[in-house]
Protein backbone atom coordinates (compact mmCIF):
# COMPACT_ATOMS: atom_id res chain seq x y z
CA MET A 1 -49.70 33.49 18.97
CA THR A 2 -49.15 37.64 19.79
CA ARG A 3 -48.17 39.62 17.16
CA ALA A 4 -45.11 41.77 17.77
CA ARG A 5 -44.46 45.31 17.75
CA HIS A 6 -42.68 46.72 15.22
CA LEU A 7 -40.32 49.77 15.75
CA PRO A 8 -38.76 51.91 13.16
CA SER A 9 -35.04 51.12 12.08
CA VAL A 10 -32.24 53.15 13.27
CA ARG A 11 -29.51 54.35 11.27
CA LEU A 12 -25.66 54.28 13.21
CA ARG A 13 -22.95 56.38 11.66
CA ALA A 14 -20.30 54.60 9.93
CA ALA A 15 -17.53 55.55 12.34
CA ARG A 16 -19.27 53.84 15.28
CA CYS A 17 -20.63 50.90 13.64
CA CYS A 18 -19.31 49.90 10.29
CA PRO A 19 -16.34 51.49 8.50
CA ALA A 20 -17.00 50.20 5.09
CA ARG A 21 -20.50 51.22 5.13
CA GLN A 22 -22.78 54.40 5.71
CA HIS A 23 -24.94 52.44 7.78
CA VAL A 24 -26.35 49.38 9.30
CA ARG A 25 -29.93 49.37 9.75
CA ILE A 26 -31.07 48.07 13.18
CA SER A 27 -35.05 47.11 13.43
CA PRO A 28 -36.05 46.30 17.01
CA ILE A 29 -38.71 43.87 16.72
CA SER A 30 -39.96 43.98 20.31
CA THR A 31 -39.19 45.52 23.63
CA ALA A 32 -39.19 42.31 25.41
CA MET A 33 -36.39 41.05 26.93
CA THR A 34 -36.35 37.70 24.76
CA SER A 35 -37.74 39.17 21.67
CA PRO A 36 -35.33 39.31 18.90
CA ILE A 37 -33.60 42.75 17.33
CA ARG A 38 -32.35 42.32 13.93
CA LEU A 39 -29.71 43.54 12.31
CA ILE A 40 -28.36 43.56 8.58
CA TRP A 41 -24.74 43.43 7.95
CA LEU A 42 -24.30 44.03 4.17
CA HIS A 43 -20.58 43.03 3.80
CA GLU A 44 -18.11 41.22 5.99
CA ALA A 45 -16.78 44.56 7.33
CA ASP A 46 -20.08 44.92 9.08
CA THR A 47 -19.65 41.27 11.11
CA ALA A 48 -16.07 42.94 11.92
CA ALA A 49 -17.02 45.76 13.33
CA PHE A 50 -19.93 43.89 15.44
CA ALA A 51 -17.32 41.90 16.75
CA GLN A 52 -15.34 44.66 18.01
CA ARG A 53 -18.27 46.29 19.95
CA LEU A 54 -18.88 43.02 21.31
CA ALA A 55 -15.29 42.38 22.37
CA ALA A 56 -15.21 45.74 24.14
CA GLN A 57 -17.78 44.73 26.32
CA PRO A 58 -16.53 43.92 29.82
CA ALA A 59 -19.93 41.53 30.55
CA LEU A 60 -18.97 39.47 27.43
CA ARG A 61 -16.03 37.69 29.40
CA GLN A 62 -18.65 35.23 31.22
CA LEU A 63 -21.16 34.49 28.76
CA TYR A 64 -22.72 31.74 26.64
CA ILE A 65 -23.62 32.96 23.28
CA ALA A 66 -25.56 30.50 20.77
CA LEU A 67 -24.98 30.76 17.12
CA HIS A 68 -27.62 29.56 14.91
CA GLY A 69 -27.99 29.47 11.33
CA ASP A 70 -27.54 27.18 7.71
CA LEU A 71 -23.97 26.53 6.59
CA GLY A 72 -22.52 29.20 5.22
CA ALA A 73 -24.56 31.92 7.14
CA GLY A 74 -21.30 33.34 8.83
CA LYS A 75 -21.08 31.38 12.46
CA THR A 76 -17.83 30.71 12.10
CA THR A 77 -16.81 34.05 10.19
CA LEU A 78 -18.43 35.93 13.39
CA VAL A 79 -16.49 33.78 15.61
CA ARG A 80 -13.22 34.34 14.01
CA HIS A 81 -13.67 38.23 14.03
CA LEU A 82 -14.47 38.08 17.55
CA LEU A 83 -11.37 35.89 18.76
CA ARG A 84 -9.32 38.28 16.91
CA ALA A 85 -10.96 41.26 18.11
CA LEU A 86 -10.42 39.82 21.51
CA GLY A 87 -6.44 39.46 20.50
CA VAL A 88 -6.16 36.04 19.79
CA THR A 89 -4.05 34.83 17.05
CA GLY A 90 -3.02 32.20 14.94
CA ARG A 91 -5.30 29.92 13.15
CA ILE A 92 -8.74 29.98 13.99
CA LYS A 93 -10.85 27.05 12.72
CA SER A 94 -14.35 25.78 13.11
CA PRO A 95 -14.17 22.75 15.34
CA THR A 96 -16.75 20.92 13.26
CA TYR A 97 -14.87 17.64 13.84
CA ALA A 98 -13.11 18.01 17.78
CA VAL A 99 -16.43 19.66 18.81
CA LEU A 100 -14.58 22.13 20.83
CA GLU A 101 -11.56 24.44 20.22
CA PRO A 102 -10.22 26.38 23.32
CA HIS A 103 -8.84 30.03 22.73
CA GLU A 104 -6.94 32.55 25.57
CA THR A 105 -6.78 35.84 25.01
CA PRO A 106 -3.36 38.07 25.52
CA ASP A 107 -5.19 38.78 28.80
CA GLY A 108 -5.77 35.62 29.81
CA LEU A 109 -9.64 35.13 29.05
CA ALA A 110 -10.48 31.08 28.36
CA VAL A 111 -12.60 30.97 25.07
CA SER A 112 -14.26 27.71 24.23
CA HIS A 113 -15.52 27.60 20.51
CA PHE A 114 -17.97 24.59 20.25
CA ASP A 115 -19.55 23.10 17.15
CA PHE A 116 -22.42 20.94 17.71
CA TYR A 117 -22.88 20.08 14.03
CA ARG A 118 -21.89 16.45 14.41
CA PHE A 119 -23.13 15.86 17.85
CA ASN A 120 -25.25 13.14 17.91
CA ASP A 121 -25.19 11.46 21.56
CA PRO A 122 -25.79 13.37 25.05
CA ARG A 123 -23.45 10.63 26.19
CA GLU A 124 -20.76 12.65 24.19
CA TRP A 125 -21.38 15.64 26.38
CA ALA A 126 -20.21 13.73 29.70
CA ASP A 127 -17.61 11.60 28.13
CA ALA A 128 -15.98 14.40 26.38
CA GLY A 129 -16.23 16.94 29.81
CA PHE A 130 -18.43 19.71 28.16
CA ARG A 131 -20.35 20.21 31.62
CA ASP A 132 -17.16 20.87 33.38
CA VAL A 133 -16.05 23.40 30.73
CA PHE A 134 -19.56 25.08 30.49
CA ALA A 135 -18.78 25.48 34.59
CA ALA A 136 -15.63 27.09 34.50
CA PRO A 137 -15.25 30.71 33.74
CA GLY A 138 -14.87 32.13 30.50
CA LEU A 139 -16.64 32.99 27.19
CA LYS A 140 -18.20 30.19 25.41
CA LEU A 141 -19.37 30.33 21.74
CA ALA A 142 -21.49 27.34 20.34
CA GLU A 143 -22.34 26.83 16.90
CA TRP A 144 -25.48 24.62 15.81
CA PRO A 145 -26.57 24.69 19.68
CA GLU A 146 -29.69 22.92 18.26
CA LYS A 147 -27.94 19.68 18.15
CA ALA A 148 -27.10 19.64 21.68
CA ALA A 149 -29.82 21.16 23.19
CA THR A 150 -31.16 18.79 25.65
CA VAL A 151 -28.02 19.15 27.37
CA LEU A 152 -27.05 22.54 27.32
CA PRO A 153 -27.43 25.51 29.66
CA MET A 154 -29.79 28.37 28.32
CA PRO A 155 -27.60 30.91 26.43
CA ASP A 156 -27.08 34.51 27.79
CA LEU A 157 -27.36 35.07 24.17
CA ALA A 158 -28.89 33.99 20.68
CA LEU A 159 -27.86 35.10 17.69
CA GLN A 160 -29.95 33.68 14.59
CA LEU A 161 -27.90 34.49 11.45
CA SER A 162 -29.24 33.74 7.68
CA VAL A 163 -27.91 34.88 4.34
CA SER A 164 -30.14 37.60 2.61
CA PRO A 165 -32.29 36.26 -0.03
CA GLY A 166 -30.55 37.49 -3.70
CA ASP A 167 -27.61 38.70 -2.01
CA ASP A 168 -24.82 36.36 -0.61
CA SER A 169 -22.84 38.84 1.12
CA THR A 170 -25.52 40.60 2.99
CA ARG A 171 -26.54 38.90 6.44
CA ILE A 172 -29.69 39.19 8.42
CA VAL A 173 -29.26 38.69 12.12
CA GLU A 174 -31.63 38.13 14.81
CA LEU A 175 -30.29 38.46 18.58
CA SER A 176 -32.04 37.79 21.23
CA ALA A 177 -31.17 37.77 25.19
CA HIS A 178 -32.29 35.08 27.09
CA THR A 179 -30.94 36.25 30.59
CA ALA A 180 -30.14 39.58 32.47
CA ALA A 181 -26.61 39.60 31.40
CA GLY A 182 -27.22 38.92 27.88
CA GLN A 183 -29.69 41.53 28.28
CA GLN A 184 -27.00 43.76 29.46
CA LEU A 185 -24.78 43.01 26.77
CA LEU A 186 -26.95 43.65 24.18
CA THR A 187 -28.19 47.24 25.55
CA GLU A 188 -24.42 47.96 25.75
CA VAL A 189 -23.49 46.69 22.47
CA LEU A 190 -26.22 48.55 20.53
CA ALA A 191 -25.63 51.56 22.41
CA THR A 192 -22.14 52.10 21.41
């Protein structure tokens, strides 16, 4: 196992990142494309600020983003903030029972929000027509993608969310780009 090269933390100004906080620490763990970059979101306002920066990137429109994390880690919260930043109105709920909640932004972007928590059988994938959904244009967001790992394509971007030990409001987020498009989006989001 190779040891990751650690780089110093970077502070972002509040006006550009998180209006409710002085800073957010970003600690690049490694310079390789698939090595994770660690973010620390001190409050939900940091999650919303990241979602705003993500929504502002044109490259987001055709990507598949995988969201990993335990129950309560903030996956659905991030999706809600992202959909709001994209202009989606109305109720935004987790598709835990439905598996898929489709959304459309005011400018016509199709967003497919999956939650594979209750996914048990790969035959469900074909029967539900999810292969067609993933082949169609638009943004795909998947919670619990590991439950459907045998049928899902490689994500462009993967986020691993976890609750910080001893602080229920702080989230530790590791972002990994798995494609050139995901790397481009990650570079653009972190540069804003």
